[in-house]
N, C-alpha and C. Protein backbone atom coordinates (compact mmCIF):
# COMPACT_ATOMS: atom_id res chain seq x y z
N MET A 1 -41.67 20.48 -44.31
CA MET A 1 -40.52 21.37 -44.10
C MET A 1 -40.39 22.34 -45.27
N GLN A 2 -40.24 23.62 -44.97
CA GLN A 2 -40.13 24.62 -46.00
C GLN A 2 -38.80 24.52 -46.73
N GLU A 3 -38.85 24.87 -48.02
CA GLU A 3 -37.63 24.91 -48.79
C GLU A 3 -36.83 26.16 -48.42
N THR A 4 -35.54 26.11 -48.67
CA THR A 4 -34.69 27.28 -48.46
C THR A 4 -34.00 27.61 -49.78
N PHE A 5 -33.83 28.88 -50.02
CA PHE A 5 -33.21 29.33 -51.26
C PHE A 5 -32.08 30.31 -50.93
N GLU A 6 -30.93 30.05 -51.50
CA GLU A 6 -29.79 30.95 -51.37
C GLU A 6 -29.38 31.40 -52.77
N ILE A 7 -29.37 32.71 -52.99
CA ILE A 7 -29.05 33.26 -54.30
C ILE A 7 -27.75 34.04 -54.19
N ASN A 8 -26.85 33.78 -55.11
CA ASN A 8 -25.58 34.48 -55.12
C ASN A 8 -25.65 35.70 -56.05
N ALA A 9 -25.10 36.82 -55.57
CA ALA A 9 -25.09 38.05 -56.35
C ALA A 9 -23.82 38.82 -56.04
N VAL A 10 -23.53 39.76 -56.92
CA VAL A 10 -22.40 40.66 -56.69
C VAL A 10 -22.91 42.09 -56.80
N ALA A 11 -22.35 42.96 -56.01
CA ALA A 11 -22.72 44.38 -56.07
C ALA A 11 -22.17 44.97 -57.37
N ARG A 12 -22.88 45.93 -57.92
CA ARG A 12 -22.41 46.60 -59.13
C ARG A 12 -22.58 48.11 -58.97
N ALA A 13 -21.60 48.84 -59.50
CA ALA A 13 -21.63 50.29 -59.38
C ALA A 13 -22.19 50.96 -60.62
N ASP A 14 -21.98 50.33 -61.78
CA ASP A 14 -22.45 50.95 -63.02
C ASP A 14 -23.93 50.69 -63.21
N THR A 15 -24.67 51.72 -63.59
CA THR A 15 -26.11 51.61 -63.78
C THR A 15 -26.46 52.18 -65.16
N GLY A 16 -27.73 52.10 -65.49
CA GLY A 16 -28.18 52.61 -66.78
C GLY A 16 -28.43 51.49 -67.77
N LYS A 17 -29.09 51.84 -68.88
CA LYS A 17 -29.45 50.84 -69.88
C LYS A 17 -28.22 50.21 -70.54
N GLY A 18 -27.20 51.03 -70.81
CA GLY A 18 -26.00 50.48 -71.44
C GLY A 18 -25.31 49.47 -70.56
N ALA A 19 -25.19 49.79 -69.26
CA ALA A 19 -24.55 48.86 -68.33
C ALA A 19 -25.36 47.57 -68.20
N SER A 20 -26.68 47.69 -68.21
CA SER A 20 -27.53 46.51 -68.10
C SER A 20 -27.38 45.62 -69.33
N ARG A 21 -27.31 46.22 -70.51
CA ARG A 21 -27.13 45.43 -71.73
C ARG A 21 -25.79 44.68 -71.71
N ARG A 22 -24.76 45.34 -71.21
CA ARG A 22 -23.44 44.68 -71.14
C ARG A 22 -23.50 43.49 -70.18
N LEU A 23 -24.19 43.65 -69.08
CA LEU A 23 -24.33 42.54 -68.14
C LEU A 23 -25.05 41.36 -68.79
N ARG A 24 -26.13 41.63 -69.49
CA ARG A 24 -26.90 40.55 -70.09
C ARG A 24 -26.09 39.80 -71.13
N ARG A 25 -25.22 40.51 -71.83
CA ARG A 25 -24.39 39.84 -72.85
C ARG A 25 -23.40 38.87 -72.22
N THR A 26 -23.10 39.05 -70.93
CA THR A 26 -22.17 38.15 -70.23
C THR A 26 -22.92 37.09 -69.41
N GLY A 27 -24.24 36.97 -69.63
CA GLY A 27 -25.02 35.94 -68.94
C GLY A 27 -25.43 36.32 -67.53
N GLN A 28 -25.52 37.62 -67.26
CA GLN A 28 -25.93 38.07 -65.94
C GLN A 28 -27.23 38.88 -66.02
N VAL A 29 -27.90 38.96 -64.89
CA VAL A 29 -29.16 39.68 -64.80
C VAL A 29 -28.99 40.86 -63.84
N PRO A 30 -29.27 42.08 -64.29
CA PRO A 30 -29.22 43.22 -63.37
C PRO A 30 -30.39 43.20 -62.40
N GLY A 31 -30.16 43.65 -61.19
CA GLY A 31 -31.22 43.67 -60.20
C GLY A 31 -31.04 44.80 -59.21
N ILE A 32 -32.06 45.00 -58.39
CA ILE A 32 -32.00 46.02 -57.35
C ILE A 32 -32.55 45.44 -56.05
N VAL A 33 -31.97 45.87 -54.95
CA VAL A 33 -32.42 45.45 -53.61
C VAL A 33 -32.79 46.72 -52.86
N TYR A 34 -34.03 46.77 -52.34
CA TYR A 34 -34.47 47.99 -51.65
C TYR A 34 -35.33 47.62 -50.45
N GLY A 35 -35.70 48.64 -49.67
CA GLY A 35 -36.57 48.43 -48.53
C GLY A 35 -35.82 48.36 -47.21
N ALA A 36 -36.60 48.14 -46.13
CA ALA A 36 -36.08 48.06 -44.76
C ALA A 36 -35.33 49.32 -44.37
N HIS A 37 -35.79 50.47 -44.90
CA HIS A 37 -35.23 51.78 -44.54
C HIS A 37 -33.74 51.88 -44.83
N LYS A 38 -33.31 51.19 -45.88
CA LYS A 38 -31.91 51.26 -46.29
C LYS A 38 -31.83 51.80 -47.73
N VAL A 39 -30.65 52.27 -48.08
CA VAL A 39 -30.43 52.79 -49.43
C VAL A 39 -30.51 51.63 -50.42
N PRO A 40 -31.25 51.80 -51.53
CA PRO A 40 -31.29 50.73 -52.54
C PRO A 40 -29.90 50.44 -53.09
N SER A 41 -29.66 49.19 -53.39
CA SER A 41 -28.37 48.79 -53.95
C SER A 41 -28.60 47.98 -55.22
N THR A 42 -27.69 48.12 -56.18
CA THR A 42 -27.80 47.39 -57.44
C THR A 42 -26.90 46.17 -57.40
N VAL A 43 -27.39 45.08 -58.00
CA VAL A 43 -26.67 43.81 -57.96
C VAL A 43 -26.72 43.17 -59.34
N ALA A 44 -25.93 42.13 -59.51
CA ALA A 44 -25.96 41.30 -60.72
C ALA A 44 -25.98 39.83 -60.30
N LEU A 45 -26.78 39.02 -61.01
CA LEU A 45 -26.92 37.61 -60.71
C LEU A 45 -26.70 36.79 -61.97
N ALA A 46 -26.23 35.58 -61.79
CA ALA A 46 -26.04 34.67 -62.92
C ALA A 46 -27.41 34.24 -63.45
N HIS A 47 -27.62 34.43 -64.75
CA HIS A 47 -28.91 34.10 -65.34
C HIS A 47 -29.24 32.61 -65.19
N SER A 48 -28.26 31.75 -65.39
CA SER A 48 -28.49 30.30 -65.32
C SER A 48 -28.94 29.87 -63.93
N GLU A 49 -28.32 30.44 -62.90
CA GLU A 49 -28.71 30.09 -61.53
C GLU A 49 -30.10 30.60 -61.21
N LEU A 50 -30.39 31.83 -61.65
CA LEU A 50 -31.70 32.42 -61.38
C LEU A 50 -32.82 31.62 -62.03
N VAL A 51 -32.61 31.18 -63.25
CA VAL A 51 -33.62 30.39 -63.96
C VAL A 51 -33.92 29.10 -63.21
N GLN A 52 -32.91 28.47 -62.65
CA GLN A 52 -33.13 27.24 -61.88
C GLN A 52 -34.01 27.52 -60.66
N HIS A 53 -33.75 28.63 -59.97
CA HIS A 53 -34.58 28.98 -58.81
C HIS A 53 -36.02 29.25 -59.22
N LEU A 54 -36.21 29.93 -60.34
CA LEU A 54 -37.55 30.33 -60.77
C LEU A 54 -38.41 29.16 -61.18
N GLN A 55 -37.83 27.98 -61.36
CA GLN A 55 -38.61 26.80 -61.68
C GLN A 55 -39.38 26.26 -60.47
N HIS A 56 -39.03 26.74 -59.28
CA HIS A 56 -39.69 26.31 -58.05
C HIS A 56 -40.79 27.31 -57.68
N GLU A 57 -42.00 26.81 -57.55
CA GLU A 57 -43.13 27.68 -57.20
C GLU A 57 -42.88 28.43 -55.89
N ALA A 58 -42.25 27.78 -54.92
CA ALA A 58 -42.05 28.38 -53.61
C ALA A 58 -41.12 29.59 -53.66
N PHE A 59 -40.30 29.69 -54.70
CA PHE A 59 -39.35 30.81 -54.81
C PHE A 59 -40.09 32.15 -54.84
N TYR A 60 -41.30 32.15 -55.37
CA TYR A 60 -42.04 33.39 -55.55
C TYR A 60 -42.72 33.86 -54.25
N SER A 61 -42.85 32.99 -53.29
CA SER A 61 -43.57 33.33 -52.05
C SER A 61 -42.78 32.83 -50.84
N HIS A 62 -41.51 33.17 -50.82
CA HIS A 62 -40.62 32.64 -49.79
C HIS A 62 -39.62 33.72 -49.39
N VAL A 63 -39.23 33.74 -48.14
CA VAL A 63 -38.14 34.62 -47.72
C VAL A 63 -36.83 33.98 -48.19
N LEU A 64 -36.06 34.73 -48.97
CA LEU A 64 -34.87 34.21 -49.63
C LEU A 64 -33.61 34.74 -48.96
N ASP A 65 -32.54 33.98 -49.07
CA ASP A 65 -31.22 34.42 -48.60
C ASP A 65 -30.42 34.90 -49.80
N LEU A 66 -30.27 36.20 -49.90
CA LEU A 66 -29.51 36.80 -50.99
C LEU A 66 -28.09 37.09 -50.51
N MET A 67 -27.13 36.41 -51.10
CA MET A 67 -25.73 36.59 -50.73
C MET A 67 -25.08 37.59 -51.70
N VAL A 68 -24.83 38.81 -51.21
CA VAL A 68 -24.22 39.85 -52.02
C VAL A 68 -22.76 39.99 -51.62
N ASP A 69 -21.87 39.52 -52.50
CA ASP A 69 -20.44 39.52 -52.19
C ASP A 69 -20.16 38.81 -50.87
N GLY A 70 -20.91 37.72 -50.63
CA GLY A 70 -20.71 36.92 -49.43
C GLY A 70 -21.45 37.40 -48.21
N ARG A 71 -22.14 38.53 -48.31
CA ARG A 71 -22.90 39.08 -47.16
C ARG A 71 -24.38 38.78 -47.37
N ALA A 72 -25.00 38.19 -46.35
CA ALA A 72 -26.38 37.72 -46.48
C ALA A 72 -27.39 38.83 -46.21
N GLU A 73 -28.43 38.85 -47.04
CA GLU A 73 -29.58 39.73 -46.81
C GLU A 73 -30.84 38.89 -46.98
N ARG A 74 -31.81 39.13 -46.11
CA ARG A 74 -33.09 38.43 -46.19
C ARG A 74 -34.01 39.26 -47.08
N VAL A 75 -34.53 38.63 -48.15
CA VAL A 75 -35.33 39.36 -49.13
C VAL A 75 -36.49 38.50 -49.61
N VAL A 76 -37.42 39.15 -50.30
CA VAL A 76 -38.46 38.44 -51.06
C VAL A 76 -38.42 38.96 -52.49
N LEU A 77 -38.85 38.14 -53.41
CA LEU A 77 -38.93 38.54 -54.81
C LEU A 77 -40.13 39.47 -54.97
N LYS A 78 -39.88 40.68 -55.45
CA LYS A 78 -40.95 41.66 -55.57
C LYS A 78 -41.38 41.91 -57.01
N ASP A 79 -40.45 41.83 -57.95
CA ASP A 79 -40.82 42.04 -59.34
C ASP A 79 -39.82 41.34 -60.25
N LEU A 80 -40.32 40.95 -61.41
CA LEU A 80 -39.50 40.20 -62.36
C LEU A 80 -39.88 40.66 -63.76
N GLN A 81 -38.88 41.08 -64.52
CA GLN A 81 -39.13 41.50 -65.89
C GLN A 81 -38.54 40.48 -66.85
N ARG A 82 -39.41 39.90 -67.69
CA ARG A 82 -38.99 38.89 -68.65
C ARG A 82 -38.99 39.49 -70.06
N HIS A 83 -38.17 38.93 -70.92
CA HIS A 83 -38.16 39.34 -72.31
C HIS A 83 -39.51 38.94 -72.93
N PRO A 84 -40.12 39.82 -73.74
CA PRO A 84 -41.47 39.52 -74.26
C PRO A 84 -41.54 38.33 -75.19
N SER A 85 -40.43 37.94 -75.82
CA SER A 85 -40.51 36.83 -76.78
C SER A 85 -39.40 35.79 -76.63
N LYS A 86 -38.42 36.05 -75.79
CA LYS A 86 -37.32 35.11 -75.60
C LYS A 86 -37.26 34.65 -74.14
N PRO A 87 -36.70 33.48 -73.88
CA PRO A 87 -36.67 32.95 -72.50
C PRO A 87 -35.55 33.58 -71.66
N PHE A 88 -35.58 34.91 -71.55
CA PHE A 88 -34.55 35.63 -70.81
C PHE A 88 -35.18 36.47 -69.70
N ILE A 89 -34.48 36.53 -68.57
CA ILE A 89 -34.86 37.43 -67.49
C ILE A 89 -34.10 38.74 -67.72
N LEU A 90 -34.82 39.85 -67.78
CA LEU A 90 -34.19 41.13 -68.07
C LEU A 90 -33.81 41.90 -66.81
N HIS A 91 -34.62 41.77 -65.75
CA HIS A 91 -34.35 42.53 -64.53
C HIS A 91 -35.11 41.89 -63.37
N ILE A 92 -34.59 42.05 -62.17
CA ILE A 92 -35.24 41.48 -60.99
C ILE A 92 -35.16 42.47 -59.83
N ASP A 93 -36.24 42.54 -59.06
CA ASP A 93 -36.31 43.41 -57.89
C ASP A 93 -36.49 42.55 -56.63
N PHE A 94 -35.69 42.85 -55.62
CA PHE A 94 -35.83 42.19 -54.32
C PHE A 94 -36.19 43.23 -53.27
N LEU A 95 -37.07 42.84 -52.35
CA LEU A 95 -37.44 43.68 -51.22
C LEU A 95 -36.82 43.13 -49.95
N ARG A 96 -36.05 43.95 -49.26
CA ARG A 96 -35.46 43.51 -47.99
C ARG A 96 -36.56 43.24 -46.96
N VAL A 97 -36.30 42.27 -46.12
CA VAL A 97 -37.26 41.85 -45.11
C VAL A 97 -36.81 42.35 -43.74
N ALA A 98 -37.74 42.97 -43.03
CA ALA A 98 -37.53 43.33 -41.63
C ALA A 98 -38.46 42.43 -40.80
N GLU A 99 -37.90 41.72 -39.85
CA GLU A 99 -38.68 40.71 -39.13
C GLU A 99 -39.89 41.28 -38.40
N ASP A 100 -39.86 42.58 -38.06
CA ASP A 100 -40.96 43.18 -37.32
C ASP A 100 -41.89 44.00 -38.21
N GLU A 101 -41.72 43.91 -39.53
CA GLU A 101 -42.58 44.65 -40.45
C GLU A 101 -43.34 43.68 -41.34
N LYS A 102 -44.64 43.91 -41.49
CA LYS A 102 -45.47 43.01 -42.28
C LYS A 102 -45.19 43.16 -43.78
N LEU A 103 -45.31 42.03 -44.48
CA LEU A 103 -45.14 41.97 -45.92
C LEU A 103 -46.50 41.91 -46.60
N ARG A 104 -46.55 42.39 -47.83
CA ARG A 104 -47.70 42.15 -48.71
C ARG A 104 -47.15 41.41 -49.93
N LEU A 105 -47.59 40.17 -50.07
CA LEU A 105 -47.00 39.33 -51.12
C LEU A 105 -48.05 38.36 -51.65
N HIS A 106 -47.97 38.06 -52.94
CA HIS A 106 -48.88 37.07 -53.53
C HIS A 106 -48.35 35.66 -53.27
N VAL A 107 -49.25 34.79 -52.85
CA VAL A 107 -48.89 33.38 -52.65
C VAL A 107 -49.85 32.54 -53.50
N PRO A 108 -49.38 31.39 -54.01
CA PRO A 108 -50.24 30.55 -54.86
C PRO A 108 -51.32 29.82 -54.07
N LEU A 109 -52.39 29.50 -54.76
CA LEU A 109 -53.46 28.69 -54.20
C LEU A 109 -53.31 27.25 -54.71
N HIS A 110 -53.42 26.30 -53.78
CA HIS A 110 -53.39 24.88 -54.14
C HIS A 110 -54.80 24.31 -53.94
N PHE A 111 -55.41 23.83 -55.01
CA PHE A 111 -56.77 23.32 -54.95
C PHE A 111 -56.73 21.82 -54.67
N VAL A 112 -57.40 21.42 -53.59
CA VAL A 112 -57.42 20.02 -53.17
C VAL A 112 -58.86 19.55 -53.04
N GLY A 113 -59.03 18.24 -53.01
CA GLY A 113 -60.35 17.64 -52.79
C GLY A 113 -61.20 17.50 -54.03
N GLU A 114 -60.62 17.76 -55.23
CA GLU A 114 -61.41 17.63 -56.45
C GLU A 114 -61.84 16.18 -56.69
N ASP A 115 -61.02 15.22 -56.22
CA ASP A 115 -61.34 13.81 -56.47
C ASP A 115 -62.57 13.34 -55.71
N VAL A 116 -62.96 14.06 -54.65
CA VAL A 116 -64.15 13.66 -53.88
C VAL A 116 -65.23 14.74 -53.91
N CYS A 117 -65.05 15.77 -54.70
CA CYS A 117 -65.99 16.89 -54.75
C CYS A 117 -67.34 16.41 -55.29
N PRO A 118 -68.44 16.56 -54.53
CA PRO A 118 -69.75 16.07 -54.99
C PRO A 118 -70.19 16.72 -56.30
N GLY A 119 -69.93 18.00 -56.46
CA GLY A 119 -70.35 18.68 -57.67
C GLY A 119 -69.66 18.14 -58.91
N ILE A 120 -68.39 17.79 -58.79
CA ILE A 120 -67.65 17.22 -59.92
C ILE A 120 -68.15 15.81 -60.22
N LYS A 121 -68.41 15.04 -59.15
CA LYS A 121 -68.90 13.67 -59.35
C LYS A 121 -70.26 13.64 -60.05
N GLN A 122 -71.01 14.73 -59.92
CA GLN A 122 -72.31 14.81 -60.57
C GLN A 122 -72.22 15.45 -61.96
N GLY A 123 -70.99 15.55 -62.47
CA GLY A 123 -70.81 16.03 -63.83
C GLY A 123 -70.47 17.50 -63.96
N GLY A 124 -70.34 18.20 -62.84
CA GLY A 124 -70.00 19.62 -62.89
C GLY A 124 -68.54 19.84 -63.24
N MET A 125 -68.21 21.08 -63.57
CA MET A 125 -66.85 21.44 -63.93
C MET A 125 -66.35 22.57 -63.02
N VAL A 126 -65.05 22.51 -62.69
CA VAL A 126 -64.45 23.51 -61.81
C VAL A 126 -64.05 24.74 -62.61
N SER A 127 -64.37 25.90 -62.08
CA SER A 127 -63.96 27.17 -62.68
C SER A 127 -63.13 27.93 -61.66
N HIS A 128 -61.84 28.13 -61.98
CA HIS A 128 -60.94 28.82 -61.07
C HIS A 128 -60.94 30.32 -61.39
N ALA A 129 -61.40 31.13 -60.45
CA ALA A 129 -61.41 32.57 -60.65
C ALA A 129 -60.06 33.19 -60.27
N GLN A 130 -59.34 32.55 -59.36
CA GLN A 130 -58.04 33.07 -58.92
C GLN A 130 -57.08 31.90 -58.73
N THR A 131 -55.82 32.14 -59.02
CA THR A 131 -54.79 31.11 -58.81
C THR A 131 -53.78 31.52 -57.74
N ASP A 132 -53.84 32.78 -57.31
CA ASP A 132 -53.01 33.23 -56.20
C ASP A 132 -53.75 34.34 -55.47
N VAL A 133 -53.25 34.71 -54.31
CA VAL A 133 -53.91 35.72 -53.51
C VAL A 133 -52.86 36.52 -52.76
N GLU A 134 -53.10 37.82 -52.61
CA GLU A 134 -52.16 38.66 -51.86
C GLU A 134 -52.47 38.58 -50.37
N VAL A 135 -51.44 38.30 -49.58
CA VAL A 135 -51.60 38.22 -48.13
C VAL A 135 -50.74 39.28 -47.45
N THR A 136 -51.10 39.56 -46.21
CA THR A 136 -50.34 40.47 -45.36
C THR A 136 -49.95 39.71 -44.11
N CYS A 137 -48.66 39.70 -43.79
CA CYS A 137 -48.20 38.97 -42.61
C CYS A 137 -46.76 39.32 -42.31
N LEU A 138 -46.31 38.93 -41.15
CA LEU A 138 -44.90 39.05 -40.82
C LEU A 138 -44.10 38.01 -41.59
N PRO A 139 -42.83 38.26 -41.84
CA PRO A 139 -42.02 37.29 -42.60
C PRO A 139 -42.06 35.87 -42.03
N LYS A 140 -42.07 35.74 -40.71
CA LYS A 140 -42.05 34.42 -40.10
C LYS A 140 -43.33 33.63 -40.36
N ASP A 141 -44.41 34.33 -40.71
CA ASP A 141 -45.69 33.68 -40.93
C ASP A 141 -46.02 33.47 -42.41
N LEU A 142 -45.12 33.87 -43.30
CA LEU A 142 -45.40 33.81 -44.74
C LEU A 142 -45.59 32.37 -45.20
N PRO A 143 -46.78 32.03 -45.72
CA PRO A 143 -46.99 30.66 -46.21
C PRO A 143 -46.47 30.49 -47.63
N GLU A 144 -46.04 29.29 -47.98
CA GLU A 144 -45.62 29.03 -49.35
C GLU A 144 -46.81 28.92 -50.28
N PHE A 145 -47.96 28.49 -49.74
CA PHE A 145 -49.20 28.40 -50.52
C PHE A 145 -50.36 28.34 -49.54
N ILE A 146 -51.57 28.48 -50.08
CA ILE A 146 -52.79 28.36 -49.29
C ILE A 146 -53.67 27.31 -49.95
N GLU A 147 -54.13 26.36 -49.17
CA GLU A 147 -54.98 25.30 -49.71
C GLU A 147 -56.43 25.77 -49.84
N VAL A 148 -57.06 25.35 -50.92
CA VAL A 148 -58.48 25.61 -51.15
C VAL A 148 -59.16 24.25 -51.27
N ASP A 149 -60.01 23.92 -50.29
CA ASP A 149 -60.61 22.59 -50.21
C ASP A 149 -61.96 22.56 -50.93
N LEU A 150 -62.03 21.75 -51.99
CA LEU A 150 -63.26 21.63 -52.78
C LEU A 150 -64.10 20.41 -52.38
N SER A 151 -63.70 19.69 -51.35
CA SER A 151 -64.29 18.38 -51.07
C SER A 151 -65.76 18.42 -50.67
N THR A 152 -66.29 19.59 -50.30
CA THR A 152 -67.69 19.65 -49.87
C THR A 152 -68.57 20.43 -50.84
N LEU A 153 -68.01 20.89 -51.96
CA LEU A 153 -68.78 21.73 -52.88
C LEU A 153 -69.71 20.89 -53.76
N GLY A 154 -70.99 21.26 -53.74
CA GLY A 154 -71.96 20.61 -54.61
C GLY A 154 -72.10 21.38 -55.91
N PRO A 155 -72.98 20.95 -56.80
CA PRO A 155 -73.21 21.66 -58.06
C PRO A 155 -73.64 23.11 -57.79
N GLY A 156 -72.99 24.05 -58.46
CA GLY A 156 -73.30 25.45 -58.26
C GLY A 156 -72.64 26.07 -57.03
N GLY A 157 -71.89 25.26 -56.27
CA GLY A 157 -71.22 25.77 -55.07
C GLY A 157 -70.00 26.60 -55.41
N SER A 158 -69.64 27.48 -54.50
CA SER A 158 -68.47 28.33 -54.73
C SER A 158 -67.80 28.68 -53.40
N LEU A 159 -66.57 29.13 -53.50
CA LEU A 159 -65.81 29.61 -52.35
C LEU A 159 -65.31 31.00 -52.66
N HIS A 160 -65.39 31.88 -51.64
CA HIS A 160 -64.89 33.24 -51.76
C HIS A 160 -63.63 33.40 -50.90
N LEU A 161 -63.01 34.55 -51.00
CA LEU A 161 -61.79 34.81 -50.22
C LEU A 161 -62.02 34.58 -48.73
N SER A 162 -63.18 35.01 -48.24
CA SER A 162 -63.45 34.87 -46.80
C SER A 162 -63.63 33.42 -46.37
N ASP A 163 -63.79 32.49 -47.32
CA ASP A 163 -63.95 31.08 -46.99
C ASP A 163 -62.62 30.35 -46.84
N LEU A 164 -61.53 30.99 -47.24
CA LEU A 164 -60.23 30.32 -47.19
C LEU A 164 -59.76 30.19 -45.75
N LYS A 165 -59.16 29.05 -45.46
CA LYS A 165 -58.58 28.82 -44.14
C LYS A 165 -57.12 29.25 -44.16
N LEU A 166 -56.79 30.22 -43.32
CA LEU A 166 -55.46 30.84 -43.35
C LEU A 166 -54.63 30.40 -42.15
N PRO A 167 -53.32 30.32 -42.31
CA PRO A 167 -52.45 30.06 -41.16
C PRO A 167 -52.52 31.21 -40.17
N ALA A 168 -52.12 30.94 -38.95
CA ALA A 168 -52.11 31.98 -37.91
C ALA A 168 -51.22 33.15 -38.35
N GLY A 169 -51.71 34.35 -38.11
CA GLY A 169 -50.92 35.54 -38.41
C GLY A 169 -51.00 36.02 -39.84
N VAL A 170 -51.81 35.35 -40.67
CA VAL A 170 -51.90 35.69 -42.09
C VAL A 170 -53.28 36.27 -42.39
N GLU A 171 -53.31 37.38 -43.11
CA GLU A 171 -54.56 38.01 -43.51
C GLU A 171 -54.58 38.17 -45.03
N ILE A 172 -55.76 38.11 -45.60
CA ILE A 172 -55.91 38.39 -47.03
C ILE A 172 -56.06 39.90 -47.20
N THR A 173 -55.19 40.49 -47.95
CA THR A 173 -55.12 41.95 -48.05
C THR A 173 -56.45 42.54 -48.52
N ALA A 174 -57.07 41.95 -49.52
CA ALA A 174 -58.29 42.51 -50.10
C ALA A 174 -59.42 42.62 -49.08
N LEU A 175 -59.51 41.67 -48.15
CA LEU A 175 -60.63 41.65 -47.20
C LEU A 175 -60.57 42.83 -46.23
N SER A 176 -59.40 43.41 -46.05
CA SER A 176 -59.29 44.57 -45.16
C SER A 176 -59.83 45.83 -45.82
N GLN A 177 -60.16 45.75 -47.12
CA GLN A 177 -60.64 46.90 -47.86
C GLN A 177 -62.16 46.96 -47.95
N GLY A 178 -62.83 46.01 -47.31
CA GLY A 178 -64.28 46.03 -47.29
C GLY A 178 -64.89 44.77 -47.86
N PRO A 179 -66.18 44.50 -47.51
CA PRO A 179 -66.85 43.26 -47.95
C PRO A 179 -67.01 43.17 -49.46
N GLU A 180 -67.02 44.31 -50.15
CA GLU A 180 -67.17 44.26 -51.61
C GLU A 180 -65.96 43.65 -52.30
N HIS A 181 -64.87 43.48 -51.54
CA HIS A 181 -63.66 42.87 -52.10
C HIS A 181 -63.56 41.38 -51.79
N ASP A 182 -64.64 40.82 -51.24
CA ASP A 182 -64.67 39.37 -50.97
C ASP A 182 -65.01 38.64 -52.27
N LEU A 183 -64.02 38.51 -53.13
CA LEU A 183 -64.22 38.01 -54.48
C LEU A 183 -64.27 36.48 -54.52
N PRO A 184 -64.92 35.92 -55.54
CA PRO A 184 -64.94 34.46 -55.68
C PRO A 184 -63.56 33.92 -56.02
N VAL A 185 -63.29 32.72 -55.53
CA VAL A 185 -62.01 32.05 -55.77
C VAL A 185 -62.19 30.88 -56.73
N VAL A 186 -63.23 30.07 -56.47
CA VAL A 186 -63.48 28.88 -57.29
C VAL A 186 -64.96 28.54 -57.22
N ALA A 187 -65.46 27.95 -58.28
CA ALA A 187 -66.86 27.53 -58.31
C ALA A 187 -66.96 26.21 -59.06
N VAL A 188 -67.99 25.45 -58.72
CA VAL A 188 -68.30 24.21 -59.44
C VAL A 188 -69.53 24.49 -60.29
N MET A 189 -69.33 24.55 -61.60
CA MET A 189 -70.42 24.84 -62.51
C MET A 189 -71.27 23.58 -62.70
N ALA A 190 -72.56 23.72 -62.44
CA ALA A 190 -73.46 22.57 -62.55
C ALA A 190 -73.55 22.08 -63.98
N LYS A 191 -73.74 20.78 -64.12
CA LYS A 191 -73.88 20.19 -65.45
C LYS A 191 -75.16 20.68 -66.09
N HIS A 192 -75.04 21.14 -67.33
CA HIS A 192 -76.23 21.61 -68.05
C HIS A 192 -77.10 20.41 -68.42
N GLY A 193 -78.39 20.57 -68.32
CA GLY A 193 -79.30 19.48 -68.66
C GLY A 193 -80.73 19.92 -68.50
N GLY A 194 -81.58 18.97 -68.49
CA GLY A 194 -82.99 19.27 -68.29
C GLY A 194 -83.75 19.53 -69.58
N GLY A 195 -83.05 19.51 -70.70
CA GLY A 195 -83.72 19.74 -71.99
C GLY A 195 -84.33 18.46 -72.53
N VAL A 196 -84.84 18.56 -73.75
CA VAL A 196 -85.47 17.40 -74.38
C VAL A 196 -84.39 16.44 -74.83
N GLY A 197 -84.55 15.14 -74.61
CA GLY A 197 -83.57 14.14 -74.99
C GLY A 197 -83.60 13.89 -76.48
N GLU A 198 -82.54 13.21 -76.97
CA GLU A 198 -82.43 12.96 -78.40
C GLU A 198 -83.58 12.10 -78.91
N GLU A 199 -83.96 11.07 -78.11
CA GLU A 199 -85.03 10.18 -78.56
C GLU A 199 -86.34 10.94 -78.68
N GLU A 200 -86.61 11.83 -77.69
CA GLU A 200 -87.83 12.60 -77.71
C GLU A 200 -87.86 13.54 -78.91
N GLU A 201 -86.67 14.13 -79.22
CA GLU A 201 -86.59 15.02 -80.36
C GLU A 201 -86.91 14.26 -81.65
N GLU A 202 -86.34 13.01 -81.77
CA GLU A 202 -86.57 12.22 -82.97
C GLU A 202 -88.06 11.89 -83.10
N GLU A 203 -88.72 11.54 -81.95
CA GLU A 203 -90.13 11.21 -81.99
C GLU A 203 -90.95 12.42 -82.42
N GLY A 204 -90.54 13.60 -81.96
CA GLY A 204 -91.29 14.81 -82.29
C GLY A 204 -91.19 15.16 -83.75
N GLU A 205 -90.10 14.68 -84.43
CA GLU A 205 -89.94 15.00 -85.84
C GLU A 205 -90.76 14.10 -86.74
N LEU A 206 -91.23 12.93 -86.21
CA LEU A 206 -92.01 11.98 -87.02
C LEU A 206 -93.44 12.45 -87.22
């Protein structure tokens, strides 16, 4: 069962850097809501509540319920600006969702099957080239994550974007741009070996 997220916000009329700084001093985060052929609107959210939501991986790839002054809007998280050195959220962007319009959004990859992967059992090591992937789909088809199954990979084996198994209605955005964008996702690096053993080296030195 998918998680649900409800975020509380209030509309704000004052904009600009000075207004944003004043909001942050009161423990709030300035934000903007745009898209779905509507006029963008500015909002403010409680920093403490937002941080709790951001601890959930699914929050980043989920259709969210944004309550603005008690009125619900369906949105996705589109951008997040963090302070470069302090644990503060400086600004957040939400994109309104239209049920009949496709989204382009990054979703995380979950790697499974490492415990039975033949390449790993033979001493190989996993190299992750990507940890998330951008998909295109309708809001109703948006997955929280995509599984990457390593259970059949032998030494030197790899998986590309085109090898991923996708839910119905979901496409990988990069693949629509041509075969040259079929990038590697994960590989099992074979164990290095085949050289002279320590005992043989010692014998050769005598």
